[in-house]
């Protein structure tokens, strides 16, 4: 038998190590690619974060709302910050302010105030690129505030709203998008002993303009408030100014009898 020299032994060991490494590389599980389906979210009742959010995503929104009623005009302003601390989980903090102008002889109109503070979370539990579908659940905690002029007279936080919700979104082909957001609104005013239960059911349809990030769409905001059905139709459009900045424009038309008449809304969206 031919004697194995020290050099040959080293070569054999090196070859064995290389072969072992190759086998291990082939049998090592391949990291699963995180799926995400591109959906268009509505501009008025928007989502906490993109469905299927990726860790590290951030967004800042500033928006304004003009509502004309029979007795007053309302000017509302909101600011919200969204971020994803982990994959598929979105968190949001939002503040809303309202200012009112009397336009009739009726003097009993709402007073200027910080309407509420909203804290929200949303988790996409089902994402399918095969079916172009995403499902998510979420929760919003709303803290309602008293009027500015009553800060030194009344309790600062007057009530809270518990709002769990469900989201279902689907892309049809390359350009058409549908989305449903629904859930109860459980409102508790602190000086009362009961909780008022209302419902929201929002649907939207959008068309993504090919080869752009612009879209046009329509949103139907439906609610059951104190046993009364309310619905507002909101045609809308989003204009992508550059890769981080977009502007959303929305018009509001009540389809059921309401104190509110025509309204308009804009949203400035900045991807951080």
Protein backbone atom coordinates (compact mmCIF):
# COMPACT_ATOMS: atom_id res chain seq x y z
CA UNK A 1 0.00 0.00 0.00
CA UNK A 2 1.30 3.37 -0.97
CA UNK A 3 2.21 5.43 2.06
CA UNK A 4 0.22 8.67 2.52
CA UNK A 5 2.62 11.52 2.89
CA UNK A 6 2.01 14.51 5.15
CA UNK A 7 1.29 16.72 2.13
CA UNK A 8 -1.23 14.27 0.71
CA UNK A 9 -2.90 14.05 4.11
CA UNK A 10 -3.29 17.85 4.20
CA UNK A 11 -4.75 17.89 0.70
CA UNK A 12 -7.26 15.19 1.66
CA UNK A 13 -8.30 17.15 4.76
CA UNK A 14 -8.76 20.35 2.70
CA UNK A 15 -10.86 18.48 0.11
CA UNK A 16 -12.99 16.96 2.88
CA UNK A 17 -13.58 20.37 4.44
CA UNK A 18 -14.58 21.87 1.06
CA UNK A 19 -16.97 18.99 0.31
CA UNK A 20 -18.52 19.25 3.78
CA UNK A 21 -19.04 23.00 3.30
CA UNK A 22 -20.70 22.43 -0.08
CA UNK A 23 -23.08 19.83 1.39
CA UNK A 24 -23.97 22.09 4.32
CA UNK A 25 -24.60 25.04 1.99
CA UNK A 26 -26.93 22.94 -0.14
CA UNK A 27 -28.88 21.58 2.84
CA UNK A 28 -29.05 24.87 4.78
CA UNK A 29 -32.61 26.32 4.66
CA UNK A 30 -32.96 29.26 2.30
CA UNK A 31 -34.22 32.40 4.09
CA UNK A 32 -37.90 32.97 3.34
CA UNK A 33 -38.49 36.12 1.32
CA UNK A 34 -41.02 38.36 3.02
CA UNK A 35 -43.99 38.77 0.71
CA UNK A 36 -45.66 42.14 0.21
CA UNK A 37 -48.48 43.03 -2.15
CA UNK A 38 -48.73 46.59 -3.39
CA UNK A 39 -52.14 47.98 -2.42
CA UNK A 40 -53.64 51.46 -2.76
CA UNK A 41 -55.00 52.71 0.54
CA UNK A 42 -57.82 55.28 0.69
CA UNK A 43 -56.91 58.88 1.45
CA UNK A 44 -59.63 59.87 3.91
CA UNK A 45 -59.87 56.84 6.23
CA UNK A 46 -56.27 55.76 5.70
CA UNK A 47 -54.45 52.78 7.18
CA UNK A 48 -52.05 52.77 10.11
CA UNK A 49 -49.22 51.72 7.78
CA UNK A 50 -48.93 49.99 4.41
CA UNK A 51 -50.38 46.49 4.44
CA UNK A 52 -47.55 43.99 4.82
CA UNK A 53 -45.33 46.75 6.21
CA UNK A 54 -41.57 46.19 6.27
CA UNK A 55 -39.45 46.92 9.31
CA UNK A 56 -38.06 50.47 9.28
CA UNK A 57 -40.75 52.06 7.08
CA UNK A 58 -41.78 55.53 8.27
CA UNK A 59 -44.26 58.14 7.09
CA UNK A 60 -45.38 61.61 8.17
CA UNK A 61 -48.78 63.00 7.15
CA UNK A 62 -50.26 66.48 7.50
CA UNK A 63 -53.84 67.01 6.38
CA UNK A 64 -56.63 69.57 6.33
CA UNK A 65 -60.40 69.15 6.13
CA UNK A 66 -63.05 71.76 5.26
CA UNK A 67 -66.67 70.85 6.10
CA UNK A 68 -69.66 73.04 5.37
CA UNK A 69 -72.85 72.44 7.40
CA UNK A 70 -76.15 74.31 7.67
CA UNK A 71 -75.08 76.39 10.67
CA UNK A 72 -71.27 76.53 10.68
CA UNK A 73 -68.07 75.84 8.77
CA UNK A 74 -65.46 73.50 10.21
CA UNK A 75 -61.75 73.67 9.51
CA UNK A 76 -59.91 70.59 10.75
CA UNK A 77 -56.17 69.89 10.82
CA UNK A 78 -54.42 66.62 11.61
CA UNK A 79 -50.86 65.38 11.90
CA UNK A 80 -49.85 61.72 12.07
CA UNK A 81 -46.66 59.72 12.28
CA UNK A 82 -46.53 56.09 11.14
CA UNK A 83 -43.72 53.56 11.49
CA UNK A 84 -43.08 49.81 11.37
CA UNK A 85 -40.92 48.53 14.28
CA UNK A 86 -41.03 44.96 12.91
CA UNK A 87 -42.19 43.34 9.68
CA UNK A 88 -45.95 43.53 9.05
CA UNK A 89 -46.68 45.62 12.16
CA UNK A 90 -47.55 49.30 11.80
CA UNK A 91 -47.91 51.82 14.62
CA UNK A 92 -49.33 55.33 14.47
CA UNK A 93 -49.86 58.42 16.60
CA UNK A 94 -52.27 61.10 15.38
CA UNK A 95 -53.59 64.42 16.67
CA UNK A 96 -56.69 66.19 15.35
CA UNK A 97 -57.69 69.85 15.79
CA UNK A 98 -61.02 71.47 14.82
CA UNK A 99 -61.91 75.16 14.40
CA UNK A 100 -65.44 76.44 13.75
CA UNK A 101 -66.95 79.53 12.11
CA UNK A 102 -70.59 80.48 12.56
CA UNK A 103 -72.54 81.06 9.32
CA UNK A 104 -76.11 81.37 10.67
CA UNK A 105 -78.05 82.90 13.56
CA UNK A 106 -77.71 79.68 15.56
CA UNK A 107 -75.17 80.35 18.31
CA UNK A 108 -74.93 76.84 19.74
CA UNK A 109 -72.15 75.50 17.54
CA UNK A 110 -69.13 73.32 18.45
CA UNK A 111 -66.18 75.09 20.06
CA UNK A 112 -62.55 75.12 18.90
CA UNK A 113 -60.56 72.27 20.40
CA UNK A 114 -57.98 69.54 20.16
CA UNK A 115 -60.46 66.87 19.11
CA UNK A 116 -58.53 63.79 20.03
CA UNK A 117 -55.32 61.86 20.28
CA UNK A 118 -55.23 58.54 18.42
CA UNK A 119 -52.88 55.62 19.10
CA UNK A 120 -53.13 52.78 16.58
CA UNK A 121 -51.61 49.43 15.70
CA UNK A 122 -52.16 47.24 12.65
CA UNK A 123 -50.81 43.76 11.86
CA UNK A 124 -50.99 42.06 8.44
CA UNK A 125 -51.58 38.40 9.31
CA UNK A 126 -52.11 37.14 5.74
CA UNK A 127 -50.16 38.24 2.67
CA UNK A 128 -50.49 36.36 -0.62
CA UNK A 129 -48.72 37.43 -3.79
CA UNK A 130 -50.43 34.54 -5.56
CA UNK A 131 -53.89 35.94 -4.88
CA UNK A 132 -52.79 39.61 -4.63
CA UNK A 133 -54.53 39.77 -1.27
CA UNK A 134 -53.68 41.04 2.20
CA UNK A 135 -55.68 40.71 5.42
CA UNK A 136 -54.98 42.67 8.59
CA UNK A 137 -56.38 43.38 12.03
CA UNK A 138 -55.88 46.55 14.01
CA UNK A 139 -56.86 48.60 17.01
CA UNK A 140 -57.19 52.33 17.68
CA UNK A 141 -57.49 53.98 21.08
CA UNK A 142 -58.95 57.48 20.89
CA UNK A 143 -58.74 60.03 23.70
CA UNK A 144 -61.25 62.90 23.38
CA UNK A 145 -60.53 66.37 24.79
CA UNK A 146 -62.63 69.26 26.04
CA UNK A 147 -62.87 72.65 24.31
CA UNK A 148 -59.90 75.03 24.51
CA UNK A 149 -61.86 77.52 26.61
CA UNK A 150 -62.74 74.85 29.21
CA UNK A 151 -59.21 73.63 29.94
CA UNK A 152 -59.24 75.26 33.39
CA UNK A 153 -62.90 74.43 34.14
CA UNK A 154 -63.46 70.83 33.10
CA UNK A 155 -61.66 67.52 32.97
CA UNK A 156 -59.11 67.66 30.13
CA UNK A 157 -59.92 64.23 28.68
CA UNK A 158 -63.69 63.84 28.42
CA UNK A 159 -63.96 60.35 26.98
CA UNK A 160 -62.39 57.54 25.00
CA UNK A 161 -63.24 55.36 22.00
CA UNK A 162 -62.21 51.71 21.63
CA UNK A 163 -61.95 50.83 17.95
CA UNK A 164 -60.86 47.35 16.79
CA UNK A 165 -60.98 46.92 13.02
CA UNK A 166 -60.44 44.47 10.17
CA UNK A 167 -58.89 45.23 6.77
CA UNK A 168 -59.13 43.22 3.56
CA UNK A 169 -57.44 44.41 0.35
CA UNK A 170 -57.12 42.88 -3.11
CA UNK A 171 -55.45 43.98 -6.33
CA UNK A 172 -57.26 42.97 -9.51
CA UNK A 173 -54.74 42.64 -12.32
CA UNK A 174 -52.12 45.37 -12.39
CA UNK A 175 -54.14 48.53 -11.88
CA UNK A 176 -57.41 48.04 -10.00
CA UNK A 177 -57.45 47.93 -6.20
CA UNK A 178 -60.25 47.34 -3.68
CA UNK A 179 -60.18 47.65 0.09
CA UNK A 180 -62.56 47.14 3.01
CA UNK A 181 -62.09 48.49 6.53
CA UNK A 182 -64.74 47.70 9.14
CA UNK A 183 -65.27 47.49 12.86
CA UNK A 184 -67.15 48.78 15.91
CA UNK A 185 -66.62 52.13 17.64
CA UNK A 186 -67.23 51.80 21.38
CA UNK A 187 -67.48 55.30 22.83
CA UNK A 188 -67.33 55.91 26.57
CA UNK A 189 -67.97 59.44 27.85
CA UNK A 190 -66.44 59.61 31.31
CA UNK A 191 -69.33 61.33 33.12
CA UNK A 192 -71.76 58.59 32.00
CA UNK A 193 -72.03 54.95 33.05
CA UNK A 194 -72.64 53.39 29.65
CA UNK A 195 -70.74 52.78 26.42
CA UNK A 196 -72.29 53.80 23.11
CA UNK A 197 -71.66 51.33 20.27
CA UNK A 198 -71.51 52.57 16.67
CA UNK A 199 -70.17 50.83 13.55
CA UNK A 200 -68.03 51.84 10.61
CA UNK A 201 -67.82 50.08 7.23
CA UNK A 202 -65.58 51.75 4.67
CA UNK A 203 -65.01 50.55 1.10
CA UNK A 204 -62.82 51.94 -1.65
CA UNK A 205 -61.99 51.36 -5.29
CA UNK A 206 -58.90 52.82 -6.95
CA UNK A 207 -57.23 52.76 -10.35
CA UNK A 208 -53.45 53.07 -10.53
CA UNK A 209 -52.40 55.07 -13.57
CA UNK A 210 -49.96 52.85 -15.54
CA UNK A 211 -46.23 53.60 -15.34
CA UNK A 212 -46.78 56.18 -12.57
CA UNK A 213 -47.39 56.29 -8.82
CA UNK A 214 -50.56 58.38 -9.29
CA UNK A 215 -54.06 57.03 -8.78
CA UNK A 216 -57.71 58.03 -8.93
CA UNK A 217 -60.39 56.40 -6.85
CA UNK A 218 -63.53 56.63 -4.80
CA UNK A 219 -64.17 55.94 -1.14
CA UNK A 220 -67.51 55.23 0.55
CA UNK A 221 -67.51 55.96 4.28
CA UNK A 222 -70.50 54.24 5.90
CA UNK A 223 -71.44 54.36 9.57
CA UNK A 224 -74.24 53.29 11.87
CA UNK A 225 -74.48 56.06 14.48
CA UNK A 226 -77.14 55.81 17.22
CA UNK A 227 -79.09 53.45 14.97
CA UNK A 228 -78.97 55.86 12.03
CA UNK A 229 -77.22 54.92 8.77
CA UNK A 230 -74.87 57.54 7.30
CA UNK A 231 -72.85 57.40 4.09
CA UNK A 232 -70.51 59.83 2.36
CA UNK A 233 -69.00 59.40 -1.09
CA UNK A 234 -65.44 60.70 -1.51
CA UNK A 235 -63.88 60.80 -5.00
CA UNK A 236 -60.14 61.27 -4.70
CA UNK A 237 -56.78 61.43 -6.39
CA UNK A 238 -53.17 61.05 -5.32
CA UNK A 239 -50.36 62.84 -7.11
CA UNK A 240 -46.83 61.51 -6.53
CA UNK A 241 -44.58 64.57 -6.68
CA UNK A 242 -41.32 62.64 -6.20
CA UNK A 243 -40.20 59.35 -4.64
CA UNK A 244 -40.83 60.59 -1.06
CA UNK A 245 -43.54 63.27 -1.39
CA UNK A 246 -47.18 62.92 -2.49
CA UNK A 247 -50.35 65.00 -2.34
CA UNK A 248 -53.83 63.57 -1.89
CA UNK A 249 -57.03 65.46 -2.81
CA UNK A 250 -60.51 64.36 -1.70
CA UNK A 251 -64.06 65.71 -2.15
CA UNK A 252 -66.95 64.71 0.12
CA UNK A 253 -70.64 64.36 -0.86
CA UNK A 254 -73.13 63.08 1.78
CA UNK A 255 -75.47 60.47 0.26
CA UNK A 256 -77.78 60.37 3.27
CA UNK A 257 -79.57 63.19 5.07
CA UNK A 258 -77.03 64.96 7.24
CA UNK A 259 -76.16 68.27 8.85
CA UNK A 260 -72.97 68.22 6.79
CA UNK A 261 -72.96 69.32 3.18
CA UNK A 262 -70.06 69.51 0.72
CA UNK A 263 -66.57 68.94 2.15
CA UNK A 264 -63.00 68.91 0.87
CA UNK A 265 -59.86 67.29 2.22
CA UNK A 266 -56.17 67.25 1.36
CA UNK A 267 -53.30 65.13 2.64
CA UNK A 268 -49.55 65.74 2.31
CA UNK A 269 -47.67 62.43 2.53
CA UNK A 270 -43.94 62.31 3.22
CA UNK A 271 -42.02 59.02 3.28
CA UNK A 272 -39.14 59.30 5.76
